């Protein structure tokens, strides 16, 4: 009968060890998940209070009273078609 009590004790010990490992793994997973969420650049906690500011050269230019000119995009004034040359060797 001593043989069966040793086996039962070993099984209980193994069950406790497995449970401890599972709890440690779950706790570690939750801790890493929390750290990743807190330090992610897209999270609300990391981005709160930060604002974007315009480039200082643009601010100085508009404060001085000069206006920014807008450009136009127009087709080429050349009436000839582009020439393509190919050669083989």
Protein backbone atom coordinates (compact mmCIF):
# COMPACT_ATOMS: atom_id res chain seq x y z
CA UNK A 1 0.00 0.00 0.00
CA UNK A 2 2.91 2.33 0.47
CA UNK A 3 3.58 2.07 -3.29
CA UNK A 4 0.15 3.53 -4.19
CA UNK A 5 0.44 6.39 -1.70
CA UNK A 6 3.82 7.36 -3.21
CA UNK A 7 2.28 7.37 -6.68
CA UNK A 8 -0.68 9.42 -5.51
CA UNK A 9 1.63 11.90 -3.80
CA UNK A 10 3.70 12.20 -6.97
CA UNK A 11 0.60 12.82 -9.05
CA UNK A 12 -0.60 15.52 -6.66
CA UNK A 13 2.83 17.14 -6.81
CA UNK A 14 2.80 17.04 -10.62
CA UNK A 15 -0.70 18.57 -10.75
CA UNK A 16 0.39 21.41 -8.44
CA UNK A 17 3.50 22.04 -10.53
CA UNK A 18 1.47 22.14 -13.76
CA UNK A 19 -1.01 24.53 -12.19
CA UNK A 20 1.80 26.80 -10.96
CA UNK A 21 3.40 26.86 -14.43
CA UNK A 22 0.05 27.63 -16.09
CA UNK A 23 -0.67 30.48 -13.66
CA UNK A 24 2.83 31.93 -14.14
CA UNK A 25 2.44 31.77 -17.93
CA UNK A 26 -0.98 33.44 -17.81
CA UNK A 27 0.32 36.17 -15.50
CA UNK A 28 3.32 36.79 -17.73
CA UNK A 29 1.10 36.97 -20.80
CA UNK A 30 -1.17 39.53 -19.16
CA UNK A 31 1.80 41.60 -18.00
CA UNK A 32 3.32 41.68 -21.49
CA UNK A 33 -0.08 42.48 -22.99
CA UNK A 34 -0.50 45.40 -20.60
CA UNK A 35 2.98 46.75 -21.32
CA UNK A 36 2.46 46.48 -25.07
CA UNK A 37 -0.85 48.30 -24.84
CA UNK A 38 0.57 51.06 -22.64
CA UNK A 39 3.64 51.70 -24.79
CA UNK A 40 2.09 51.34 -28.25
CA UNK A 41 2.54 54.59 -30.21
CA UNK A 42 -1.06 54.51 -31.41
CA UNK A 43 -2.58 54.16 -27.96
CA UNK A 44 -4.60 56.96 -26.44
CA UNK A 45 -2.42 57.11 -23.32
CA UNK A 46 0.78 57.70 -25.30
CA UNK A 47 -0.76 60.25 -27.67
CA UNK A 48 -2.77 62.32 -25.22
CA UNK A 49 -1.79 65.93 -24.95
CA UNK A 50 0.43 65.98 -28.01
CA UNK A 51 -0.40 68.37 -30.83
CA UNK A 52 1.06 68.86 -34.26
CA UNK A 53 2.67 72.20 -35.05
CA UNK A 54 3.27 73.70 -38.50
CA UNK A 55 6.80 74.18 -39.81
CA UNK A 56 8.38 77.35 -38.44
CA UNK A 57 9.45 78.65 -41.87
CA UNK A 58 5.83 78.60 -43.06
CA UNK A 59 4.69 80.37 -39.90
CA UNK A 60 7.34 83.08 -40.32
CA UNK A 61 6.44 83.55 -43.99
CA UNK A 62 2.73 83.93 -43.34
CA UNK A 63 3.33 86.22 -40.34
CA UNK A 64 5.49 88.49 -42.52
CA UNK A 65 2.49 89.04 -44.79
CA UNK A 66 3.75 87.29 -47.88
CA UNK A 67 1.29 85.02 -49.57
CA UNK A 68 2.01 81.59 -50.83
CA UNK A 69 1.69 81.37 -54.59
CA UNK A 70 -0.16 78.47 -56.07
CA UNK A 71 1.26 76.74 -59.11
CA UNK A 72 -0.56 75.36 -62.08
CA UNK A 73 -0.10 72.14 -63.96
CA UNK A 74 -0.48 72.45 -67.71
CA UNK A 75 0.24 70.19 -70.65
CA UNK A 76 3.42 70.60 -72.60
CA UNK A 77 3.44 73.41 -75.18
CA UNK A 78 5.29 71.21 -77.66
CA UNK A 79 3.02 70.01 -80.48
CA UNK A 80 5.28 67.18 -81.64
CA UNK A 81 5.00 63.67 -80.32
CA UNK A 82 7.89 62.36 -78.23
CA UNK A 83 10.39 60.28 -80.14
CA UNK A 84 11.37 56.85 -78.86
CA UNK A 85 14.52 55.16 -80.08
CA UNK A 86 15.33 51.54 -79.52
CA UNK A 87 18.32 49.54 -80.55
CA UNK A 88 19.41 45.96 -80.24
CA UNK A 89 22.91 44.61 -80.30
